[in-house]
Amino acid sequence: MTARIVVGYTATDAGADAVALGARLAAASDASLDVVVVLPADDRSVITPPDAGYDRYLRTQAAEWLADAVATIPDAVTHRSHVRYGESFAAGLITIADELDAAYIVVGAANGGMRGRHRLGTVATELLHSSDVPVALAPEGSRRIDPSTGISRVTAAIGTRPGAEALLSESVALASAAGAQLRILSLVTVDLPTSVDTGVIRIAGAAHADEVVAKARTTLPAGIDAEAVVARGDSIEDAVQHLGWEPGEIAVVGSSRLAQPRRLFLGSTAAKMLHELPVPMIVVPRTRTTEGGQR
């Protein structure tokens, strides 16, 4: 069955960024795109009854926005558009993503972010605290990237905390589907206490990276390679800044160990990475499986 990717669209630059990233993901992994506008639910207010005329206007406006959005999607990408209602934009996206058994929910950065960087808005923040589906965050300016760029490399930031196995499986699946190189970024040096000897940290980081890469290579298809790098620097922000990032790269991180089962929660390490990353980031629930379901 063809995988499906849900894009949360608003008639803003952030919405255009989300559609552009969704189209790239869909084209690279042979998935279909579902572009969604979420309107306030009919029962949104017990004080002011809904106005039928205004609701018709909103739905007509939403259809026009969607028409503009899908016009930017390459012809080779199968796509559908939807107008949905929800208690919130994020809740509406989660509902349709669950209905479609979507592989990802894609949203853009908040307005005002630096080009190529992430700035979380209300919708993204709510998704990262409640979604049971991986969330792909499109940095500002994603709409300006040539759709033919595709996905050249998947970088999985993996430590030893709960969720590492699910994160590796999701990263391998994406790299395999996109025909992209897989890069393992070992976070062992970040996970270990600062009191540990520097030499021990380096040895542990190298050993962990080699172990994860070896595991990944057993499931990667022929022709797709995996490499390992160890996070180095005074902080995770420093490590991210000193890594090379390709225009067609996607970073994949896991949710916090404090997250509820089957839910996302952006942990401190991922949050620090997010502020420095010049590429899209996908956040994976720690109970995610390669089949797109949950344990």
C-alpha atoms as a PDB file:
ATOM      1  CA  MET A   1       0.000   0.000   0.000  1.00  0.00           C
ATOM      2  CA  THR A   2       1.301   3.452  -0.916  1.00  0.00           C
ATOM      3  CA  ALA A   3       2.401   5.480   2.087  1.00  0.00           C
ATOM      4  CA  ARG A   4       0.584   8.741   2.733  1.00  0.00           C
ATOM      5  CA  ILE A   5       1.918  12.020   4.044  1.00  0.00           C
ATOM      6  CA  VAL A   6      -0.342  14.620   5.664  1.00  0.00           C
ATOM      7  CA  VAL A   7       0.568  18.289   5.241  1.00  0.00           C
ATOM      8  CA  GLY A   8      -0.994  20.926   7.468  1.00  0.00           C
ATOM      9  CA  TYR A   9      -1.569  23.913   5.204  1.00  0.00           C
ATOM     10  CA  THR A  10      -2.210  27.557   5.956  1.00  0.00           C
ATOM     11  CA  ALA A  11      -2.125  30.349   3.355  1.00  0.00           C
ATOM     12  CA  THR A  12       1.230  31.600   4.654  1.00  0.00           C
ATOM     13  CA  ASP A  13       4.897  31.159   3.814  1.00  0.00           C
ATOM     14  CA  ALA A  14       5.057  28.488   6.518  1.00  0.00           C
ATOM     15  CA  GLY A  15       2.234  26.623   4.775  1.00  0.00           C
ATOM     16  CA  ALA A  16       4.087  26.826   1.463  1.00  0.00           C
ATOM     17  CA  ASP A  17       7.231  25.499   3.184  1.00  0.00           C
ATOM     18  CA  ALA A  18       5.254  22.539   4.545  1.00  0.00           C
ATOM     19  CA  VAL A  19       3.806  21.673   1.117  1.00  0.00           C
ATOM     20  CA  ALA A  20       7.255  21.902  -0.476  1.00  0.00           C
ATOM     21  CA  LEU A  21       8.813  19.560   2.092  1.00  0.00           C
ATOM     22  CA  GLY A  22       5.851  17.185   1.906  1.00  0.00           C
ATOM     23  CA  ALA A  23       6.179  17.035  -1.876  1.00  0.00           C
ATOM     24  CA  ARG A  24       9.896  16.289  -1.630  1.00  0.00           C
ATOM     25  CA  LEU A  25       9.280  13.499   0.885  1.00  0.00           C
ATOM     26  CA  ALA A  26       6.469  12.060  -1.220  1.00  0.00           C
ATOM     27  CA  ALA A  27       8.439  12.168  -4.467  1.00  0.00           C
ATOM     28  CA  ALA A  28      11.535  10.629  -2.905  1.00  0.00           C
ATOM     29  CA  SER A  29       9.692   7.804  -1.127  1.00  0.00           C
ATOM     30  CA  ASP A  30       6.952   7.170  -3.724  1.00  0.00           C
ATOM     31  CA  ALA A  31       4.257   8.259  -1.275  1.00  0.00           C
ATOM     32  CA  SER A  32       1.079  10.268  -1.857  1.00  0.00           C
ATOM     33  CA  LEU A  33       0.334  13.674  -0.375  1.00  0.00           C
ATOM     34  CA  ASP A  34      -2.756  14.764   1.546  1.00  0.00           C
ATOM     35  CA  VAL A  35      -2.874  18.555   1.930  1.00  0.00           C
ATOM     36  CA  VAL A  36      -5.202  19.578   4.753  1.00  0.00           C
ATOM     37  CA  VAL A  37      -6.764  22.824   5.945  1.00  0.00           C
ATOM     38  CA  VAL A  38      -8.358  22.543   9.389  1.00  0.00           C
ATOM     39  CA  LEU A  39     -11.241  24.888  10.262  1.00  0.00           C
ATOM     40  CA  PRO A  40     -12.702  25.449  13.746  1.00  0.00           C
ATOM     41  CA  ALA A  41     -15.196  22.752  14.737  1.00  0.00           C
ATOM     42  CA  ASP A  42     -18.914  23.613  14.515  1.00  0.00           C
ATOM     43  CA  ASP A  43     -19.295  23.233  18.277  1.00  0.00           C
ATOM     44  CA  ARG A  44     -16.355  25.565  18.956  1.00  0.00           C
ATOM     45  CA  SER A  45     -18.490  27.945  21.024  1.00  0.00           C
ATOM     46  CA  VAL A  46     -21.422  27.419  23.360  1.00  0.00           C
ATOM     47  CA  ILE A  47     -21.939  31.164  23.653  1.00  0.00           C
ATOM     48  CA  THR A  48     -22.067  32.221  19.992  1.00  0.00           C
ATOM     49  CA  PRO A  49     -23.900  29.786  17.681  1.00  0.00           C
ATOM     50  CA  PRO A  50     -22.186  29.090  14.338  1.00  0.00           C
ATOM     51  CA  ASP A  51     -23.217  31.323  11.444  1.00  0.00           C
ATOM     52  CA  ALA A  52     -24.075  29.197   8.387  1.00  0.00           C
ATOM     53  CA  GLY A  53     -23.173  31.959   5.948  1.00  0.00           C
ATOM     54  CA  TYR A  54     -19.811  32.569   7.548  1.00  0.00           C
ATOM     55  CA  ASP A  55     -19.043  28.844   7.668  1.00  0.00           C
ATOM     56  CA  ARG A  56     -19.818  28.567   3.932  1.00  0.00           C
ATOM     57  CA  TYR A  57     -17.488  31.484   3.293  1.00  0.00           C
ATOM     58  CA  LEU A  58     -14.710  29.828   5.336  1.00  0.00           C
ATOM     59  CA  ARG A  59     -15.080  26.536   3.508  1.00  0.00           C
ATOM     60  CA  THR A  60     -15.030  28.286   0.111  1.00  0.00           C
ATOM     61  CA  GLN A  61     -11.949  30.243   1.162  1.00  0.00           C
ATOM     62  CA  ALA A  62     -10.263  27.059   2.399  1.00  0.00           C
ATOM     63  CA  ALA A  63     -10.942  25.354  -0.945  1.00  0.00           C
ATOM     64  CA  GLU A  64      -9.323  28.284  -2.748  1.00  0.00           C
ATOM     65  CA  TRP A  65      -6.286  28.115  -0.476  1.00  0.00           C
ATOM     66  CA  LEU A  66      -5.959  24.400  -1.143  1.00  0.00           C
ATOM     67  CA  ALA A  67      -6.204  24.957  -4.897  1.00  0.00           C
ATOM     68  CA  ASP A  68      -3.296  27.396  -4.665  1.00  0.00           C
ATOM     69  CA  ALA A  69      -1.312  24.932  -2.565  1.00  0.00           C
ATOM     70  CA  VAL A  70      -1.729  21.884  -4.801  1.00  0.00           C
ATOM     71  CA  ALA A  71      -0.845  23.970  -7.855  1.00  0.00           C
ATOM     72  CA  THR A  72       2.728  24.055  -6.525  1.00  0.00           C
ATOM     73  CA  ILE A  73       3.016  20.259  -6.221  1.00  0.00           C
ATOM     74  CA  PRO A  74       4.931  18.522  -9.031  1.00  0.00           C
ATOM     75  CA  ASP A  75       2.694  16.569 -11.414  1.00  0.00           C
ATOM     76  CA  ALA A  76       4.491  13.316 -10.592  1.00  0.00           C
ATOM     77  CA  VAL A  77       3.305  13.434  -6.960  1.00  0.00           C
ATOM     78  CA  THR A  78      -0.135  11.942  -6.314  1.00  0.00           C
ATOM     79  CA  HIS A  79      -2.061  14.302  -4.065  1.00  0.00           C
ATOM     80  CA  ARG A  80      -5.446  15.001  -2.523  1.00  0.00           C
ATOM     81  CA  SER A  81      -6.808  18.003  -0.666  1.00  0.00           C
ATOM     82  CA  HIS A  82      -9.072  18.056   2.383  1.00  0.00           C
ATOM     83  CA  VAL A  83     -11.015  20.575   4.432  1.00  0.00           C
ATOM     84  CA  ARG A  84     -11.483  19.282   7.965  1.00  0.00           C
ATOM     85  CA  TYR A  85     -12.861  20.598  11.240  1.00  0.00           C
ATOM     86  CA  GLY A  86     -11.204  20.205  14.602  1.00  0.00           C
ATOM     87  CA  GLU A  87     -10.939  21.559  18.125  1.00  0.00           C
ATOM     88  CA  SER A  88      -7.557  22.868  17.030  1.00  0.00           C
ATOM     89  CA  PHE A  89      -5.470  22.782  13.863  1.00  0.00           C
ATOM     90  CA  ALA A  90      -3.128  20.209  15.394  1.00  0.00           C
ATOM     91  CA  ALA A  91      -5.996  18.015  16.633  1.00  0.00           C
ATOM     92  CA  GLY A  92      -7.531  18.002  13.167  1.00  0.00           C
ATOM     93  CA  LEU A  93      -4.206  16.956  11.608  1.00  0.00           C
ATOM     94  CA  ILE A  94      -3.727  14.129  14.102  1.00  0.00           C
ATOM     95  CA  THR A  95      -7.255  12.850  13.446  1.00  0.00           C
ATOM     96  CA  ILE A  96      -6.866  12.669   9.673  1.00  0.00           C
ATOM     97  CA  ALA A  97      -3.329  11.275   9.972  1.00  0.00           C
ATOM     98  CA  ASP A  98      -4.677   8.437  12.121  1.00  0.00           C
ATOM     99  CA  GLU A  99      -7.558   7.837   9.686  1.00  0.00           C
ATOM    100  CA  LEU A 100      -5.179   7.589   6.734  1.00  0.00           C
ATOM    101  CA  ASP A 101      -2.493   5.676   8.653  1.00  0.00           C
ATOM    102  CA  ALA A 102      -0.128   8.423   7.519  1.00  0.00           C
ATOM    103  CA  ALA A 103       3.625   8.028   7.677  1.00  0.00           C
ATOM    104  CA  TYR A 104       4.216  11.688   8.613  1.00  0.00           C
ATOM    105  CA  ILE A 105       2.524  14.958   9.493  1.00  0.00           C
ATOM    106  CA  VAL A 106       4.363  17.913   7.917  1.00  0.00           C
ATOM    107  CA  VAL A 107       4.099  21.493   9.176  1.00  0.00           C
ATOM    108  CA  GLY A 108       6.086  24.678   8.610  1.00  0.00           C
ATOM    109  CA  ALA A 109       8.006  26.904  10.982  1.00  0.00           C
ATOM    110  CA  ALA A 110       6.372  29.877  12.637  1.00  0.00           C
ATOM    111  CA  ASN A 111       6.514  33.178  10.800  1.00  0.00           C
ATOM    112  CA  GLY A 112       9.506  35.338  11.598  1.00  0.00           C
ATOM    113  CA  GLY A 113      12.098  32.566  11.689  1.00  0.00           C
ATOM    114  CA  MET A 114      15.507  32.911  10.070  1.00  0.00           C
ATOM    115  CA  ARG A 115      15.797  31.390   6.619  1.00  0.00           C
ATOM    116  CA  GLY A 116      16.847  27.775   6.845  1.00  0.00           C
ATOM    117  CA  ARG A 117      16.097  27.605  10.565  1.00  0.00           C
ATOM    118  CA  HIS A 118      13.263  26.349  12.731  1.00  0.00           C
ATOM    119  CA  ARG A 119      10.994  28.415  14.938  1.00  0.00           C
ATOM    120  CA  LEU A 120       8.171  26.462  16.530  1.00  0.00           C
ATOM    121  CA  GLY A 121       4.692  27.932  16.345  1.00  0.00           C
ATOM    122  CA  THR A 122       1.559  26.939  18.225  1.00  0.00           C
ATOM    123  CA  VAL A 123       0.569  24.132  15.841  1.00  0.00           C
ATOM    124  CA  ALA A 124       4.023  22.523  15.746  1.00  0.00           C
ATOM    125  CA  THR A 125       4.347  22.769  19.527  1.00  0.00           C
ATOM    126  CA  GLU A 126       0.963  21.116  20.070  1.00  0.00           C
ATOM    127  CA  LEU A 127       1.816  18.356  17.599  1.00  0.00           C
ATOM    128  CA  LEU A 128       5.134  17.692  19.305  1.00  0.00           C
ATOM    129  CA  HIS A 129       3.299  17.197  22.601  1.00  0.00           C
ATOM    130  CA  SER A 130       0.424  15.051  21.369  1.00  0.00           C
ATOM    131  CA  SER A 131       0.987  13.343  18.003  1.00  0.00           C
ATOM    132  CA  ASP A 132       1.290   9.574  17.709  1.00  0.00           C
ATOM    133  CA  VAL A 133       2.598  10.037  14.143  1.00  0.00           C
ATOM    134  CA  PRO A 134       6.122  11.278  13.292  1.00  0.00           C
ATOM    135  CA  VAL A 135       6.136  15.040  12.736  1.00  0.00           C
ATOM    136  CA  ALA A 136       8.277  16.589   9.981  1.00  0.00           C
ATOM    137  CA  LEU A 137       9.209  20.223  10.580  1.00  0.00           C
ATOM    138  CA  ALA A 138       9.936  22.346   7.502  1.00  0.00           C
ATOM    139  CA  PRO A 139      12.386  25.178   8.216  1.00  0.00           C
ATOM    140  CA  GLU A 140      11.730  28.642   6.841  1.00  0.00           C
ATOM    141  CA  GLY A 141      12.634  28.859   3.162  1.00  0.00           C
ATOM    142  CA  SER A 142      11.859  25.221   2.295  1.00  0.00           C
ATOM    143  CA  ARG A 143       9.552  26.490  -0.451  1.00  0.00           C
ATOM    144  CA  ARG A 144      12.571  27.901  -2.282  1.00  0.00           C
ATOM    145  CA  ILE A 145      14.346  24.550  -2.580  1.00  0.00           C
ATOM    146  CA  ASP A 146      14.159  22.927  -6.004  1.00  0.00           C
ATOM    147  CA  PRO A 147      11.683  19.994  -5.765  1.00  0.00           C
ATOM    148  CA  SER A 148      14.117  17.860  -7.781  1.00  0.00           C
ATOM    149  CA  THR A 149      16.591  18.069  -4.869  1.00  0.00           C
ATOM    150  CA  GLY A 150      14.866  15.073  -3.311  1.00  0.00           C
ATOM    151  CA  ILE A 151      16.423  13.466  -0.227  1.00  0.00           C
ATOM    152  CA  SER A 152      20.153  12.922  -0.546  1.00  0.00           C
ATOM    153  CA  ARG A 153      20.910  11.828   3.008  1.00  0.00           C
ATOM    154  CA  VAL A 154      19.127  10.899   6.232  1.00  0.00           C
ATOM    155  CA  THR A 155      20.931  11.742   9.474  1.00  0.00           C
ATOM    156  CA  ALA A 156      19.670   9.870  12.517  1.00  0.00           C
ATOM    157  CA  ALA A 157      20.695  11.379  15.866  1.00  0.00           C
ATOM    158  CA  ILE A 158      20.790   8.314  18.110  1.00  0.00           C
ATOM    159  CA  GLY A 159      21.757   7.860  21.735  1.00  0.00           C
ATOM    160  CA  THR A 160      21.224   5.028  24.189  1.00  0.00           C
ATOM    161  CA  ARG A 161      17.970   6.217  25.716  1.00  0.00           C
ATOM    162  CA  PRO A 162      14.556   4.533  25.239  1.00  0.00           C
ATOM    163  CA  GLY A 163      13.302   4.886  21.681  1.00  0.00           C
ATOM    164  CA  ALA A 164      16.669   4.422  19.956  1.00  0.00           C
ATOM    165  CA  GLU A 165      15.548   1.199  18.242  1.00  0.00           C
ATOM    166  CA  ALA A 166      12.368   2.794  16.889  1.00  0.00           C
ATOM    167  CA  LEU A 167      14.336   5.811  15.685  1.00  0.00           C
ATOM    168  CA  LEU A 168      16.873   3.643  13.862  1.00  0.00           C
ATOM    169  CA  SER A 169      14.108   1.579  12.220  1.00  0.00           C
ATOM    170  CA  GLU A 170      12.301   4.716  11.017  1.00  0.00           C
ATOM    171  CA  SER A 171      15.539   6.218   9.671  1.00  0.00           C
ATOM    172  CA  VAL A 172      16.492   3.030   7.842  1.00  0.00           C
ATOM    173  CA  ALA A 173      12.989   2.819   6.342  1.00  0.00           C
ATOM    174  CA  LEU A 174      13.149   6.424   5.094  1.00  0.00           C
ATOM    175  CA  ALA A 175      16.658   6.058   3.666  1.00  0.00           C
ATOM    176  CA  SER A 176      15.658   2.812   1.949  1.00  0.00           C
ATOM    177  CA  ALA A 177      12.482   4.271   0.448  1.00  0.00           C
ATOM    178  CA  ALA A 178      14.278   7.408  -0.757  1.00  0.00           C
ATOM    179  CA  GLY A 179      17.440   5.691  -1.933  1.00  0.00           C
ATOM    180  CA  ALA A 180      19.382   8.059   0.329  1.00  0.00           C
ATOM    181  CA  GLN A 181      22.594   7.611   2.252  1.00  0.00           C
ATOM    182  CA  LEU A 182      22.178   7.027   5.984  1.00  0.00           C
ATOM    183  CA  ARG A 183      24.356   8.901   8.473  1.00  0.00           C
ATOM    184  CA  ILE A 184      24.303   7.888  12.118  1.00  0.00           C
ATOM    185  CA  LEU A 185      25.066  10.726  14.538  1.00  0.00           C
ATOM    186  CA  SER A 186      25.982   9.089  17.839  1.00  0.00           C
ATOM    187  CA  LEU A 187      24.790  11.086  20.842  1.00  0.00           C
ATOM    188  CA  VAL A 188      26.514   8.876  23.409  1.00  0.00           C
ATOM    189  CA  THR A 189      28.975  11.676  24.132  1.00  0.00           C
ATOM    190  CA  VAL A 190      25.989  13.881  25.004  1.00  0.00           C
ATOM    191  CA  ASP A 191      24.145  11.216  27.007  1.00  0.00           C
ATOM    192  CA  LEU A 192      27.090  10.347  29.277  1.00  0.00           C
ATOM    193  CA  PRO A 193      27.579  12.339  32.502  1.00  0.00           C
ATOM    194  CA  THR A 194      30.051  15.202  32.272  1.00  0.00           C
ATOM    195  CA  SER A 195      32.061  13.612  35.101  1.00  0.00           C
ATOM    196  CA  VAL A 196      33.153  10.752  32.806  1.00  0.00           C
ATOM    197  CA  ASP A 197      36.736  10.952  31.539  1.00  0.00           C
ATOM    198  CA  THR A 198      37.063  12.558  28.090  1.00  0.00           C
ATOM    199  CA  GLY A 199      39.007   9.607  26.708  1.00  0.00           C
ATOM    200  CA  VAL A 200      36.320   7.176  27.877  1.00  0.00           C
ATOM    201  CA  ILE A 201      33.634   9.342  26.275  1.00  0.00           C
ATOM    202  CA  ARG A 202      35.417   9.286  22.913  1.00  0.00           C
ATOM    203  CA  ILE A 203      35.896   5.511  23.011  1.00  0.00           C
ATOM    204  CA  ALA A 204      32.250   4.969  24.003  1.00  0.00           C
ATOM    205  CA  GLY A 205      31.042   7.292  21.251  1.00  0.00           C
ATOM    206  CA  ALA A 206      33.072   5.568  18.540  1.00  0.00           C
ATOM    207  CA  ALA A 207      32.017   2.095  19.729  1.00  0.00           C
ATOM    208  CA  HIS A 208      28.345   3.090  19.843  1.00  0.00           C
ATOM    209  CA  ALA A 209      28.461   4.641  16.375  1.00  0.00           C
ATOM    210  CA  ASP A 210      30.091   1.555  14.886  1.00  0.00           C
ATOM    211  CA  GLU A 211      27.562  -0.725  16.576  1.00  0.00           C
ATOM    212  CA  VAL A 212      24.544   1.234  15.299  1.00  0.00           C
ATOM    213  CA  VAL A 213      25.931   1.454  11.759  1.00  0.00           C
ATOM    214  CA  ALA A 214      26.590  -2.287  11.699  1.00  0.00           C
ATOM    215  CA  LYS A 215      22.998  -2.906  12.771  1.00  0.00           C
ATOM    216  CA  ALA A 216      21.660  -0.516  10.125  1.00  0.00           C
ATOM    217  CA  ARG A 217      23.673  -2.163   7.341  1.00  0.00           C
ATOM    218  CA  THR A 218      21.984  -5.499   7.990  1.00  0.00           C
ATOM    219  CA  THR A 219      18.632  -4.037   6.910  1.00  0.00           C
ATOM    220  CA  LEU A 220      19.627  -1.469   4.271  1.00  0.00           C
ATOM    221  CA  PRO A 221      19.099  -2.523   0.648  1.00  0.00           C
ATOM    222  CA  ALA A 222      22.056  -3.019  -1.669  1.00  0.00           C
ATOM    223  CA  GLY A 223      23.541   0.205  -2.987  1.00  0.00           C
ATOM    224  CA  ILE A 224      22.639   2.272   0.085  1.00  0.00           C
ATOM    225  CA  ASP A 225      25.472   2.836   2.526  1.00  0.00           C
ATOM    226  CA  ALA A 226      25.629   3.996   6.116  1.00  0.00           C
ATOM    227  CA  GLU A 227      28.306   6.015   7.867  1.00  0.00           C
ATOM    228  CA  ALA A 228      28.830   7.074  11.445  1.00  0.00           C
ATOM    229  CA  VAL A 229      29.884  10.303  13.101  1.00  0.00           C
ATOM    230  CA  VAL A 230      30.163  11.139  16.769  1.00  0.00           C
ATOM    231  CA  ALA A 231      28.773  14.362  18.223  1.00  0.00           C
ATOM    232  CA  ARG A 232      31.799  16.466  19.132  1.00  0.00           C
ATOM    233  CA  GLY A 233      32.031  19.860  20.738  1.00  0.00           C
ATOM    234  CA  ASP A 234      31.306  21.630  23.987  1.00  0.00           C
ATOM    235  CA  SER A 235      27.563  21.176  23.490  1.00  0.00           C
ATOM    236  CA  ILE A 236      25.031  19.578  21.151  1.00  0.00           C
ATOM    237  CA  GLU A 237      24.541  22.979  19.515  1.00  0.00           C
ATOM    238  CA  ASP A 238      28.279  23.145  18.876  1.00  0.00           C
ATOM    239  CA  ALA A 239      28.284  19.619  17.436  1.00  0.00           C
ATOM    240  CA  VAL A 240      25.415  20.389  15.036  1.00  0.00           C
ATOM    241  CA  GLN A 241      27.076  23.594  13.846  1.00  0.00           C
ATOM    242  CA  HIS A 242      30.282  21.775  12.987  1.00  0.00           C
ATOM    243  CA  LEU A 243      28.646  18.994  11.006  1.00  0.00           C
ATOM    244  CA  GLY A 244      28.266  19.298   7.252  1.00  0.00           C
ATOM    245  CA  TRP A 245      24.659  19.411   6.028  1.00  0.00           C
ATOM    246  CA  GLU A 246      23.523  18.799   2.447  1.00  0.00           C
ATOM    247  CA  PRO A 247      20.669  20.781   0.818  1.00  0.00           C
ATOM    248  CA  GLY A 248      18.666  17.579   0.405  1.00  0.00           C
ATOM    249  CA  GLU A 249      19.277  16.243   3.900  1.00  0.00           C
ATOM    250  CA  ILE A 250      16.706  15.230   6.520  1.00  0.00           C
ATOM    251  CA  ALA A 251      17.526  14.945  10.239  1.00  0.00           C
ATOM    252  CA  VAL A 252      15.624  12.365  12.310  1.00  0.00           C
ATOM    253  CA  VAL A 253      15.426  12.488  16.100  1.00  0.00           C
ATOM    254  CA  GLY A 254      13.499  10.612  18.764  1.00  0.00           C
ATOM    255  CA  SER A 255      11.009  11.932  21.273  1.00  0.00           C
ATOM    256  CA  SER A 256      11.869  12.463  24.913  1.00  0.00           C
ATOM    257  CA  ARG A 257      12.131   9.519  27.285  1.00  0.00           C
ATOM    258  CA  LEU A 258       9.608  11.424  29.399  1.00  0.00           C
ATOM    259  CA  ALA A 259       6.980  11.277  26.642  1.00  0.00           C
ATOM    260  CA  GLN A 260       3.844   9.253  27.240  1.00  0.00           C
ATOM    261  CA  PRO A 261       3.621   5.975  25.301  1.00  0.00           C
ATOM    262  CA  ARG A 262       2.721   6.513  21.627  1.00  0.00           C
ATOM    263  CA  ARG A 263       3.142  10.273  21.962  1.00  0.00           C
ATOM    264  CA  LEU A 264       5.802  12.775  20.999  1.00  0.00           C
ATOM    265  CA  PHE A 265       7.578  15.128  23.323  1.00  0.00           C
ATOM    266  CA  LEU A 266      10.548  17.130  22.154  1.00  0.00           C
ATOM    267  CA  GLY A 267      13.365  16.425  24.580  1.00  0.00           C
ATOM    268  CA  SER A 268      16.088  18.883  25.552  1.00  0.00           C
ATOM    269  CA  THR A 269      18.707  17.456  23.178  1.00  0.00           C
ATOM    270  CA  ALA A 270      16.360  17.516  20.174  1.00  0.00           C
ATOM    271  CA  ALA A 271      15.171  21.014  21.081  1.00  0.00           C
ATOM    272  CA  LYS A 272      18.754  22.272  21.161  1.00  0.00           C
ATOM    273  CA  MET A 273      19.461  20.628  17.800  1.00  0.00           C
ATOM    274  CA  LEU A 274      16.335  22.175  16.322  1.00  0.00           C
ATOM    275  CA  HIS A 275      17.550  25.726  16.866  1.00  0.00           C
ATOM    276  CA  GLU A 276      20.759  25.044  14.928  1.00  0.00           C
ATOM    277  CA  LEU A 277      19.624  22.692  12.181  1.00  0.00           C
ATOM    278  CA  PRO A 278      19.601  24.131   8.648  1.00  0.00           C
ATOM    279  CA  VAL A 279      17.589  21.142   7.340  1.00  0.00           C
ATOM    280  CA  PRO A 280      14.145  19.619   8.017  1.00  0.00           C
ATOM    281  CA  MET A 281      13.743  17.570  11.180  1.00  0.00           C
ATOM    282  CA  ILE A 282      11.497  14.543  11.711  1.00  0.00           C
ATOM    283  CA  VAL A 283      10.580  13.681  15.312  1.00  0.00           C
ATOM    284  CA  VAL A 284       9.677  10.016  15.875  1.00  0.00           C
ATOM    285  CA  PRO A 285       7.560   8.641  18.765  1.00  0.00           C
ATOM    286  CA  ARG A 286       9.621   6.249  20.872  1.00  0.00           C
ATOM    287  CA  THR A 287       7.123   3.427  20.277  1.00  0.00           C
ATOM    288  CA  ARG A 288       7.070   3.845  16.490  1.00  0.00           C
ATOM    289  CA  THR A 289       7.623   0.741  14.353  1.00  0.00           C
ATOM    290  CA  THR A 290       8.866   0.359  10.791  1.00  0.00           C
ATOM    291  CA  GLU A 291       5.365  -0.560   9.652  1.00  0.00           C
ATOM    292  CA  GLY A 292       4.083   2.848  10.722  1.00  0.00           C
ATOM    293  CA  GLY A 293       2.067   1.407  13.598  1.00  0.00           C
ATOM    294  CA  GLN A 294       2.671   1.464  17.323  1.00  0.00           C
ATOM    295  CA  ARG A 295       3.893  -1.115  19.767  1.00  0.00           C
END
